[in-house]
Amino acid sequence: MEGALSDLVVSEVTADAVEERLEDFAALMHACVLGGASINFVLPFSRADSAAFWRAKVLPSMRSGLRRVWAAEVAGQVAGSVQLSLDTPPNQPHRADVAKLLVRPDFRRRGIARALMAALESAALALGRRLITLDTATGHSAEPLYLSLGYQVLGIIPDYCRDTIEDRMIAATFLHKVL
């Protein structure tokens, strides 16, 4: 795979659609964690662990209206996804959080993450969520992506979390964007 993908389709998915394709979403997350993505999990991390996360954490919050999910498909295959958390306190109805921007390692650097973030930001703005916040592992590949999309660094917290693969602590960079 070289260059941009002409058959890329990004769309918001329902909880029922995620449940129907749970294995596809679990495989996506599993591949990303095995590829070193710092998305709250550490090795060993099985496909069953990934499916359990989608079942226990993502689906209930989607059904309650507190989380929205977009999928990026290439030739019918789930190549990426991103989540928007709307679970903010009453004094922050204008804010939302980006969670779990995932692109399968074999589909990276093809514009998928950018397309997912564009869809998420457009929906957030339509929902009146004009302040978007997120965090990412400092120095990982997602950090320059967010900066190129106009996100600004709020700060870095050292030793914020454990590395996905190695037994060591890593820093996290917190970012925001006003839409």
N, C-alpha and C. Protein backbone atom coordinates (compact mmCIF):
# COMPACT_ATOMS: atom_id res chain seq x y z
N MET A 1 0.83 -1.18 0.00
CA MET A 1 0.00 0.00 0.00
C MET A 1 0.87 1.24 0.00
N GLU A 2 0.72 2.07 -0.97
CA GLU A 2 1.50 3.30 -1.06
C GLU A 2 0.54 4.46 -1.26
N GLY A 3 0.82 5.59 -0.64
CA GLY A 3 0.06 6.82 -0.87
C GLY A 3 -1.34 6.78 -0.29
N ALA A 4 -2.12 7.80 -0.65
CA ALA A 4 -3.49 7.94 -0.16
C ALA A 4 -4.36 6.81 -0.68
N LEU A 5 -5.42 6.56 0.02
CA LEU A 5 -6.32 5.47 -0.33
C LEU A 5 -7.56 6.02 -1.04
N SER A 6 -7.78 5.62 -2.26
CA SER A 6 -8.92 6.12 -3.02
C SER A 6 -10.22 5.47 -2.58
N ASP A 7 -10.15 4.30 -1.95
CA ASP A 7 -11.38 3.62 -1.53
C ASP A 7 -11.63 3.74 -0.04
N LEU A 8 -11.11 4.79 0.59
CA LEU A 8 -11.31 5.04 2.01
C LEU A 8 -12.71 5.59 2.25
N VAL A 9 -13.42 4.99 3.20
CA VAL A 9 -14.74 5.47 3.61
C VAL A 9 -14.72 5.66 5.11
N VAL A 10 -14.99 6.89 5.55
CA VAL A 10 -15.06 7.20 6.98
C VAL A 10 -16.51 7.52 7.30
N SER A 11 -17.05 6.85 8.32
CA SER A 11 -18.44 7.10 8.70
C SER A 11 -18.63 6.84 10.19
N GLU A 12 -19.60 7.53 10.74
CA GLU A 12 -19.95 7.27 12.13
C GLU A 12 -20.66 5.92 12.18
N VAL A 13 -20.39 5.16 13.22
CA VAL A 13 -21.01 3.85 13.37
C VAL A 13 -21.87 3.83 14.63
N THR A 14 -22.91 3.04 14.57
CA THR A 14 -23.80 2.89 15.72
C THR A 14 -23.27 1.80 16.65
N ALA A 15 -23.82 1.76 17.84
CA ALA A 15 -23.46 0.71 18.78
C ALA A 15 -23.80 -0.66 18.20
N ASP A 16 -24.93 -0.76 17.52
CA ASP A 16 -25.32 -2.04 16.91
C ASP A 16 -24.31 -2.46 15.85
N ALA A 17 -23.82 -1.50 15.07
CA ALA A 17 -22.84 -1.82 14.03
C ALA A 17 -21.53 -2.28 14.66
N VAL A 18 -21.10 -1.63 15.74
CA VAL A 18 -19.88 -2.06 16.42
C VAL A 18 -20.08 -3.47 16.98
N GLU A 19 -21.22 -3.71 17.57
CA GLU A 19 -21.49 -5.04 18.14
C GLU A 19 -21.50 -6.12 17.05
N GLU A 20 -22.08 -5.80 15.90
CA GLU A 20 -22.12 -6.75 14.78
C GLU A 20 -20.73 -7.05 14.25
N ARG A 21 -19.85 -6.07 14.30
CA ARG A 21 -18.49 -6.23 13.78
C ARG A 21 -17.46 -6.19 14.90
N LEU A 22 -17.85 -6.67 16.07
CA LEU A 22 -16.99 -6.61 17.24
C LEU A 22 -15.62 -7.23 16.98
N GLU A 23 -15.57 -8.32 16.26
CA GLU A 23 -14.27 -8.97 15.97
C GLU A 23 -13.37 -8.06 15.14
N ASP A 24 -13.95 -7.31 14.21
CA ASP A 24 -13.16 -6.38 13.40
C ASP A 24 -12.58 -5.25 14.25
N PHE A 25 -13.41 -4.69 15.14
CA PHE A 25 -12.93 -3.62 16.00
C PHE A 25 -11.92 -4.14 17.02
N ALA A 26 -12.16 -5.34 17.53
CA ALA A 26 -11.21 -5.95 18.47
C ALA A 26 -9.88 -6.23 17.77
N ALA A 27 -9.93 -6.70 16.54
CA ALA A 27 -8.69 -6.97 15.78
C ALA A 27 -7.93 -5.67 15.52
N LEU A 28 -8.65 -4.61 15.22
CA LEU A 28 -8.02 -3.30 15.00
C LEU A 28 -7.26 -2.87 16.25
N MET A 29 -7.93 -2.87 17.39
CA MET A 29 -7.29 -2.43 18.63
C MET A 29 -6.13 -3.34 19.00
N HIS A 30 -6.32 -4.63 18.84
CA HIS A 30 -5.27 -5.60 19.15
C HIS A 30 -4.02 -5.33 18.32
N ALA A 31 -4.20 -5.12 17.03
CA ALA A 31 -3.06 -4.84 16.14
C ALA A 31 -2.34 -3.56 16.56
N CYS A 32 -3.11 -2.55 16.95
CA CYS A 32 -2.50 -1.27 17.35
C CYS A 32 -1.71 -1.42 18.65
N VAL A 33 -2.26 -2.14 19.62
CA VAL A 33 -1.54 -2.34 20.88
C VAL A 33 -0.27 -3.15 20.62
N LEU A 34 -0.37 -4.21 19.82
CA LEU A 34 0.82 -4.99 19.50
C LEU A 34 1.85 -4.15 18.76
N GLY A 35 1.38 -3.14 18.03
CA GLY A 35 2.27 -2.23 17.31
C GLY A 35 2.83 -1.12 18.18
N GLY A 36 2.51 -1.14 19.48
CA GLY A 36 3.09 -0.19 20.41
C GLY A 36 2.23 1.03 20.73
N ALA A 37 1.00 1.08 20.23
CA ALA A 37 0.13 2.23 20.52
C ALA A 37 -0.11 2.34 22.02
N SER A 38 0.06 3.54 22.53
CA SER A 38 -0.15 3.80 23.95
C SER A 38 -1.59 4.24 24.14
N ILE A 39 -2.48 3.27 24.30
CA ILE A 39 -3.90 3.55 24.42
C ILE A 39 -4.48 2.86 25.66
N ASN A 40 -3.72 2.89 26.74
CA ASN A 40 -4.12 2.39 28.06
C ASN A 40 -3.87 0.92 28.31
N PHE A 41 -3.32 0.20 27.37
CA PHE A 41 -3.11 -1.23 27.56
C PHE A 41 -1.63 -1.57 27.52
N VAL A 42 -1.26 -2.68 28.13
CA VAL A 42 0.11 -3.16 28.12
C VAL A 42 0.11 -4.63 27.72
N LEU A 43 1.25 -5.08 27.21
CA LEU A 43 1.38 -6.49 26.85
C LEU A 43 1.58 -7.33 28.10
N PRO A 44 1.08 -8.53 28.15
CA PRO A 44 0.33 -9.20 27.09
C PRO A 44 -1.09 -8.65 26.98
N PHE A 45 -1.58 -8.59 25.75
CA PHE A 45 -2.90 -8.06 25.44
C PHE A 45 -3.48 -8.91 24.32
N SER A 46 -4.53 -9.63 24.62
CA SER A 46 -5.11 -10.57 23.65
C SER A 46 -6.27 -9.94 22.88
N ARG A 47 -6.68 -10.63 21.85
CA ARG A 47 -7.87 -10.20 21.11
C ARG A 47 -9.09 -10.25 22.01
N ALA A 48 -9.13 -11.23 22.90
CA ALA A 48 -10.23 -11.33 23.86
C ALA A 48 -10.24 -10.12 24.79
N ASP A 49 -9.07 -9.65 25.20
CA ASP A 49 -8.98 -8.45 26.02
C ASP A 49 -9.55 -7.25 25.26
N SER A 50 -9.20 -7.17 24.00
CA SER A 50 -9.68 -6.08 23.16
C SER A 50 -11.20 -6.13 23.01
N ALA A 51 -11.73 -7.29 22.71
CA ALA A 51 -13.18 -7.44 22.57
C ALA A 51 -13.89 -7.10 23.87
N ALA A 52 -13.32 -7.51 24.99
CA ALA A 52 -13.91 -7.21 26.30
C ALA A 52 -13.96 -5.70 26.54
N PHE A 53 -12.91 -4.99 26.12
CA PHE A 53 -12.92 -3.53 26.27
C PHE A 53 -14.06 -2.91 25.47
N TRP A 54 -14.19 -3.30 24.21
CA TRP A 54 -15.28 -2.76 23.38
C TRP A 54 -16.64 -3.08 23.99
N ARG A 55 -16.80 -4.31 24.47
CA ARG A 55 -18.07 -4.74 25.05
C ARG A 55 -18.38 -4.00 26.36
N ALA A 56 -17.41 -3.89 27.25
CA ALA A 56 -17.66 -3.35 28.59
C ALA A 56 -17.56 -1.83 28.68
N LYS A 57 -16.72 -1.22 27.88
CA LYS A 57 -16.49 0.22 28.00
C LYS A 57 -17.08 1.05 26.87
N VAL A 58 -16.87 0.61 25.65
CA VAL A 58 -17.29 1.43 24.51
C VAL A 58 -18.79 1.30 24.25
N LEU A 59 -19.27 0.08 24.10
CA LEU A 59 -20.69 -0.11 23.75
C LEU A 59 -21.66 0.51 24.76
N PRO A 60 -21.48 0.32 26.07
CA PRO A 60 -22.42 0.95 27.00
C PRO A 60 -22.43 2.48 26.91
N SER A 61 -21.26 3.10 26.74
CA SER A 61 -21.24 4.56 26.66
C SER A 61 -21.79 5.05 25.31
N MET A 62 -21.66 4.24 24.26
CA MET A 62 -22.29 4.60 22.99
C MET A 62 -23.81 4.55 23.14
N ARG A 63 -24.29 3.50 23.78
CA ARG A 63 -25.74 3.34 23.93
C ARG A 63 -26.34 4.42 24.82
N SER A 64 -25.56 4.94 25.76
CA SER A 64 -26.07 6.00 26.64
C SER A 64 -25.94 7.38 26.00
N GLY A 65 -25.32 7.45 24.83
CA GLY A 65 -25.16 8.73 24.13
C GLY A 65 -23.95 9.53 24.58
N LEU A 66 -23.08 8.93 25.39
CA LEU A 66 -21.91 9.64 25.91
C LEU A 66 -20.65 9.40 25.09
N ARG A 67 -20.75 8.58 24.06
CA ARG A 67 -19.57 8.30 23.22
C ARG A 67 -20.06 8.08 21.79
N ARG A 68 -19.30 8.66 20.84
CA ARG A 68 -19.58 8.44 19.43
C ARG A 68 -18.32 7.86 18.81
N VAL A 69 -18.52 7.02 17.81
CA VAL A 69 -17.41 6.28 17.20
C VAL A 69 -17.49 6.40 15.68
N TRP A 70 -16.31 6.61 15.07
CA TRP A 70 -16.19 6.62 13.62
C TRP A 70 -15.28 5.49 13.20
N ALA A 71 -15.57 4.91 12.06
CA ALA A 71 -14.72 3.85 11.51
C ALA A 71 -14.23 4.30 10.14
N ALA A 72 -13.01 3.89 9.84
CA ALA A 72 -12.43 4.09 8.52
C ALA A 72 -12.33 2.72 7.88
N GLU A 73 -12.93 2.58 6.74
CA GLU A 73 -12.91 1.29 6.04
C GLU A 73 -12.22 1.44 4.70
N VAL A 74 -11.46 0.43 4.37
CA VAL A 74 -10.80 0.33 3.08
C VAL A 74 -11.19 -1.02 2.51
N ALA A 75 -11.87 -1.00 1.37
CA ALA A 75 -12.34 -2.23 0.74
C ALA A 75 -13.11 -3.10 1.72
N GLY A 76 -13.95 -2.45 2.55
CA GLY A 76 -14.79 -3.18 3.50
C GLY A 76 -14.09 -3.64 4.76
N GLN A 77 -12.81 -3.34 4.89
CA GLN A 77 -12.03 -3.76 6.06
C GLN A 77 -11.86 -2.58 7.01
N VAL A 78 -12.09 -2.80 8.32
CA VAL A 78 -11.91 -1.74 9.31
C VAL A 78 -10.41 -1.48 9.45
N ALA A 79 -9.99 -0.31 8.98
CA ALA A 79 -8.58 0.06 9.01
C ALA A 79 -8.27 1.04 10.13
N GLY A 80 -9.30 1.68 10.68
CA GLY A 80 -9.10 2.64 11.74
C GLY A 80 -10.40 3.02 12.40
N SER A 81 -10.27 3.69 13.54
CA SER A 81 -11.43 4.22 14.24
C SER A 81 -10.99 5.31 15.20
N VAL A 82 -11.94 6.11 15.64
CA VAL A 82 -11.71 7.13 16.65
C VAL A 82 -13.00 7.30 17.44
N GLN A 83 -12.84 7.74 18.68
CA GLN A 83 -13.98 7.92 19.57
C GLN A 83 -14.01 9.34 20.10
N LEU A 84 -15.21 9.86 20.29
CA LEU A 84 -15.42 11.17 20.89
C LEU A 84 -16.21 10.96 22.17
N SER A 85 -15.60 11.30 23.30
CA SER A 85 -16.28 11.18 24.59
C SER A 85 -16.99 12.48 24.89
N LEU A 86 -18.28 12.37 25.14
CA LEU A 86 -19.12 13.52 25.47
C LEU A 86 -19.43 13.55 26.96
N ASP A 87 -18.78 12.70 27.71
CA ASP A 87 -19.03 12.54 29.15
C ASP A 87 -18.28 13.61 29.93
N THR A 88 -18.79 14.84 29.85
CA THR A 88 -18.17 15.96 30.54
C THR A 88 -19.10 16.46 31.65
N PRO A 89 -18.53 17.15 32.64
CA PRO A 89 -19.35 17.67 33.73
C PRO A 89 -20.30 18.77 33.26
N PRO A 90 -21.30 19.09 34.06
CA PRO A 90 -22.29 20.10 33.66
C PRO A 90 -21.69 21.46 33.32
N ASN A 91 -20.54 21.82 33.92
CA ASN A 91 -19.96 23.12 33.62
C ASN A 91 -19.06 23.11 32.39
N GLN A 92 -19.04 21.96 31.66
CA GLN A 92 -18.21 21.86 30.46
C GLN A 92 -19.00 21.28 29.27
N PRO A 93 -20.18 21.83 29.01
CA PRO A 93 -20.98 21.29 27.90
C PRO A 93 -20.40 21.62 26.53
N HIS A 94 -19.39 22.48 26.50
CA HIS A 94 -18.77 22.93 25.26
C HIS A 94 -17.54 22.10 24.90
N ARG A 95 -17.17 21.12 25.74
CA ARG A 95 -15.92 20.37 25.58
C ARG A 95 -16.21 18.90 25.32
N ALA A 96 -15.28 18.25 24.63
CA ALA A 96 -15.33 16.80 24.42
C ALA A 96 -13.89 16.29 24.33
N ASP A 97 -13.72 15.00 24.53
CA ASP A 97 -12.40 14.39 24.51
C ASP A 97 -12.27 13.39 23.36
N VAL A 98 -11.12 13.44 22.71
CA VAL A 98 -10.78 12.42 21.71
C VAL A 98 -10.24 11.22 22.46
N ALA A 99 -10.68 10.04 22.07
CA ALA A 99 -10.19 8.81 22.68
C ALA A 99 -9.91 7.78 21.59
N LYS A 100 -8.88 7.02 21.79
CA LYS A 100 -8.58 5.84 20.99
C LYS A 100 -8.57 6.08 19.48
N LEU A 101 -7.74 7.01 19.04
CA LEU A 101 -7.51 7.14 17.60
C LEU A 101 -6.65 5.94 17.20
N LEU A 102 -7.21 5.05 16.40
CA LEU A 102 -6.56 3.80 16.02
C LEU A 102 -6.46 3.69 14.51
N VAL A 103 -5.26 3.37 14.03
CA VAL A 103 -5.08 3.03 12.62
C VAL A 103 -4.20 1.79 12.60
N ARG A 104 -4.70 0.77 11.93
CA ARG A 104 -3.91 -0.47 11.86
C ARG A 104 -2.52 -0.17 11.32
N PRO A 105 -1.50 -0.78 11.91
CA PRO A 105 -0.12 -0.49 11.48
C PRO A 105 0.10 -0.61 9.97
N ASP A 106 -0.52 -1.56 9.32
CA ASP A 106 -0.31 -1.72 7.88
C ASP A 106 -1.08 -0.72 7.02
N PHE A 107 -1.86 0.16 7.65
CA PHE A 107 -2.59 1.20 6.93
C PHE A 107 -2.13 2.60 7.30
N ARG A 108 -1.10 2.73 8.10
CA ARG A 108 -0.66 4.04 8.57
C ARG A 108 0.01 4.85 7.46
N ARG A 109 -0.01 6.17 7.69
CA ARG A 109 0.62 7.15 6.79
C ARG A 109 -0.08 7.19 5.42
N ARG A 110 -1.41 7.00 5.45
CA ARG A 110 -2.21 7.04 4.23
C ARG A 110 -3.34 8.05 4.33
N GLY A 111 -3.35 8.87 5.40
CA GLY A 111 -4.40 9.88 5.57
C GLY A 111 -5.61 9.41 6.37
N ILE A 112 -5.57 8.21 6.88
CA ILE A 112 -6.73 7.67 7.61
C ILE A 112 -6.95 8.43 8.92
N ALA A 113 -5.91 8.65 9.70
CA ALA A 113 -6.06 9.36 10.97
C ALA A 113 -6.59 10.78 10.74
N ARG A 114 -6.08 11.44 9.72
CA ARG A 114 -6.56 12.79 9.39
C ARG A 114 -8.04 12.78 9.02
N ALA A 115 -8.45 11.80 8.23
CA ALA A 115 -9.85 11.71 7.83
C ALA A 115 -10.75 11.42 9.03
N LEU A 116 -10.30 10.56 9.92
CA LEU A 116 -11.07 10.25 11.12
C LEU A 116 -11.21 11.49 12.01
N MET A 117 -10.10 12.21 12.20
CA MET A 117 -10.14 13.42 13.04
C MET A 117 -11.02 14.50 12.41
N ALA A 118 -11.01 14.62 11.10
CA ALA A 118 -11.87 15.61 10.43
C ALA A 118 -13.34 15.30 10.67
N ALA A 119 -13.71 14.02 10.57
CA ALA A 119 -15.09 13.62 10.82
C ALA A 119 -15.48 13.88 12.28
N LEU A 120 -14.60 13.53 13.19
CA LEU A 120 -14.85 13.74 14.62
C LEU A 120 -15.02 15.23 14.92
N GLU A 121 -14.13 16.06 14.41
CA GLU A 121 -14.19 17.49 14.69
C GLU A 121 -15.46 18.12 14.11
N SER A 122 -15.84 17.71 12.92
CA SER A 122 -17.06 18.23 12.30
C SER A 122 -18.28 17.89 13.15
N ALA A 123 -18.36 16.65 13.61
CA ALA A 123 -19.49 16.23 14.45
C ALA A 123 -19.46 16.95 15.80
N ALA A 124 -18.27 17.10 16.38
CA ALA A 124 -18.16 17.78 17.66
C ALA A 124 -18.68 19.21 17.55
N LEU A 125 -18.29 19.90 16.50
CA LEU A 125 -18.74 21.27 16.29
C LEU A 125 -20.26 21.33 16.12
N ALA A 126 -20.82 20.38 15.37
CA ALA A 126 -22.27 20.33 15.18
C ALA A 126 -23.00 20.08 16.49
N LEU A 127 -22.32 19.43 17.44
CA LEU A 127 -22.90 19.16 18.76
C LEU A 127 -22.66 20.31 19.75
N GLY A 128 -22.00 21.37 19.28
CA GLY A 128 -21.70 22.49 20.16
C GLY A 128 -20.48 22.26 21.04
N ARG A 129 -19.70 21.25 20.69
CA ARG A 129 -18.49 20.94 21.44
C ARG A 129 -17.33 21.61 20.71
N ARG A 130 -17.01 22.83 21.08
CA ARG A 130 -16.01 23.61 20.36
C ARG A 130 -14.61 23.52 20.94
N LEU A 131 -14.47 22.90 22.12
CA LEU A 131 -13.16 22.69 22.71
C LEU A 131 -12.89 21.19 22.77
N ILE A 132 -11.84 20.75 22.09
CA ILE A 132 -11.51 19.33 22.05
C ILE A 132 -10.20 19.13 22.80
N THR A 133 -10.17 18.14 23.67
CA THR A 133 -8.96 17.83 24.43
C THR A 133 -8.57 16.38 24.18
N LEU A 134 -7.27 16.11 24.37
CA LEU A 134 -6.78 14.74 24.22
C LEU A 134 -5.41 14.63 24.86
N ASP A 135 -4.98 13.40 25.02
CA ASP A 135 -3.60 13.17 25.45
C ASP A 135 -3.00 12.07 24.61
N THR A 136 -1.69 12.10 24.51
CA THR A 136 -0.97 11.11 23.73
C THR A 136 0.40 10.88 24.35
N ALA A 137 0.97 9.76 24.07
CA ALA A 137 2.31 9.46 24.59
C ALA A 137 3.30 10.44 23.97
N THR A 138 4.06 11.09 24.81
CA THR A 138 5.05 12.06 24.36
C THR A 138 6.09 11.38 23.45
N GLY A 139 6.27 11.98 22.29
CA GLY A 139 7.26 11.45 21.36
C GLY A 139 6.77 10.35 20.44
N HIS A 140 5.55 9.86 20.64
CA HIS A 140 5.02 8.83 19.75
C HIS A 140 4.51 9.47 18.45
N SER A 141 4.20 8.65 17.48
CA SER A 141 3.87 9.13 16.14
C SER A 141 2.59 9.98 16.08
N ALA A 142 1.69 9.83 17.03
CA ALA A 142 0.45 10.61 17.00
C ALA A 142 0.68 12.07 17.36
N GLU A 143 1.71 12.35 18.15
CA GLU A 143 1.94 13.72 18.61
C GLU A 143 2.13 14.71 17.46
N PRO A 144 3.01 14.44 16.49
CA PRO A 144 3.15 15.39 15.36
C PRO A 144 1.88 15.48 14.52
N LEU A 145 1.13 14.40 14.44
CA LEU A 145 -0.14 14.43 13.70
C LEU A 145 -1.07 15.46 14.33
N TYR A 146 -1.27 15.37 15.65
CA TYR A 146 -2.17 16.31 16.32
C TYR A 146 -1.68 17.75 16.16
N LEU A 147 -0.39 17.96 16.28
CA LEU A 147 0.16 19.31 16.10
C LEU A 147 -0.13 19.82 14.69
N SER A 148 0.00 18.95 13.69
CA SER A 148 -0.26 19.36 12.30
C SER A 148 -1.73 19.65 12.05
N LEU A 149 -2.59 19.12 12.92
CA LEU A 149 -4.04 19.37 12.80
C LEU A 149 -4.48 20.61 13.57
N GLY A 150 -3.51 21.31 14.18
CA GLY A 150 -3.83 22.54 14.88
C GLY A 150 -4.02 22.41 16.38
N TYR A 151 -3.76 21.25 16.92
CA TYR A 151 -3.85 21.08 18.38
C TYR A 151 -2.65 21.76 19.02
N GLN A 152 -2.86 22.33 20.18
CA GLN A 152 -1.81 23.02 20.91
C GLN A 152 -1.49 22.26 22.19
N VAL A 153 -0.20 22.22 22.51
CA VAL A 153 0.24 21.51 23.71
C VAL A 153 -0.12 22.32 24.95
N LEU A 154 -0.79 21.66 25.89
CA LEU A 154 -1.09 22.27 27.18
C LEU A 154 0.04 22.02 28.16
N GLY A 155 0.62 20.83 28.04
CA GLY A 155 1.72 20.48 28.93
C GLY A 155 2.07 19.01 28.82
N ILE A 156 3.14 18.65 29.50
CA ILE A 156 3.62 17.27 29.50
C ILE A 156 3.72 16.82 30.96
N ILE A 157 3.18 15.65 31.23
CA ILE A 157 3.30 15.07 32.57
C ILE A 157 4.28 13.91 32.47
N PRO A 158 5.41 14.00 33.19
CA PRO A 158 6.39 12.90 33.15
C PRO A 158 5.86 11.67 33.88
N ASP A 159 6.36 10.51 33.48
CA ASP A 159 5.99 9.25 34.13
C ASP A 159 4.47 9.09 34.30
N TYR A 160 3.73 9.47 33.29
CA TYR A 160 2.27 9.46 33.36
C TYR A 160 1.69 8.05 33.31
N CYS A 161 2.31 7.19 32.49
CA CYS A 161 1.77 5.84 32.33
C CYS A 161 2.89 4.87 31.97
N ARG A 162 2.52 3.60 32.02
CA ARG A 162 3.47 2.57 31.65
C ARG A 162 3.51 2.41 30.14
N ASP A 163 4.68 2.18 29.61
CA ASP A 163 4.84 1.91 28.18
C ASP A 163 4.07 0.64 27.82
N THR A 164 3.54 0.61 26.63
CA THR A 164 2.77 -0.54 26.16
C THR A 164 3.60 -1.82 26.13
N ILE A 165 4.85 -1.71 25.67
CA ILE A 165 5.66 -2.90 25.43
C ILE A 165 6.74 -3.10 26.49
N GLU A 166 7.44 -2.03 26.83
CA GLU A 166 8.55 -2.14 27.78
C GLU A 166 8.08 -1.83 29.21
N ASP A 167 8.76 -2.40 30.18
CA ASP A 167 8.43 -2.16 31.58
C ASP A 167 9.12 -0.87 32.03
N ARG A 168 8.55 0.26 31.62
CA ARG A 168 9.09 1.58 31.97
C ARG A 168 7.95 2.59 31.92
N MET A 169 8.16 3.70 32.59
CA MET A 169 7.16 4.77 32.59
C MET A 169 7.46 5.75 31.45
N ILE A 170 6.39 6.33 30.90
CA ILE A 170 6.54 7.30 29.83
C ILE A 170 5.71 8.55 30.13
N ALA A 171 6.08 9.64 29.50
CA ALA A 171 5.37 10.91 29.66
C ALA A 171 4.16 10.96 28.72
N ALA A 172 3.22 11.83 29.07
CA ALA A 172 2.06 12.08 28.23
C ALA A 172 1.99 13.56 27.92
N THR A 173 1.64 13.87 26.68
CA THR A 173 1.44 15.24 26.24
C THR A 173 -0.06 15.49 26.16
N PHE A 174 -0.51 16.55 26.79
CA PHE A 174 -1.93 16.93 26.76
C PHE A 174 -2.09 18.09 25.79
N LEU A 175 -3.11 17.98 24.94
CA LEU A 175 -3.32 18.96 23.88
C LEU A 175 -4.77 19.40 23.84
N HIS A 176 -5.01 20.53 23.19
CA HIS A 176 -6.37 21.01 22.99
C HIS A 176 -6.46 21.73 21.64
N LYS A 177 -7.72 21.87 21.20
CA LYS A 177 -7.99 22.63 19.98
C LYS A 177 -9.35 23.28 20.14
N VAL A 178 -9.40 24.56 19.79
CA VAL A 178 -10.67 25.27 19.76
C VAL A 178 -11.16 25.22 18.32
N LEU A 179 -12.34 24.68 18.12
CA LEU A 179 -12.88 24.52 16.76
C LEU A 179 -13.57 25.80 16.30
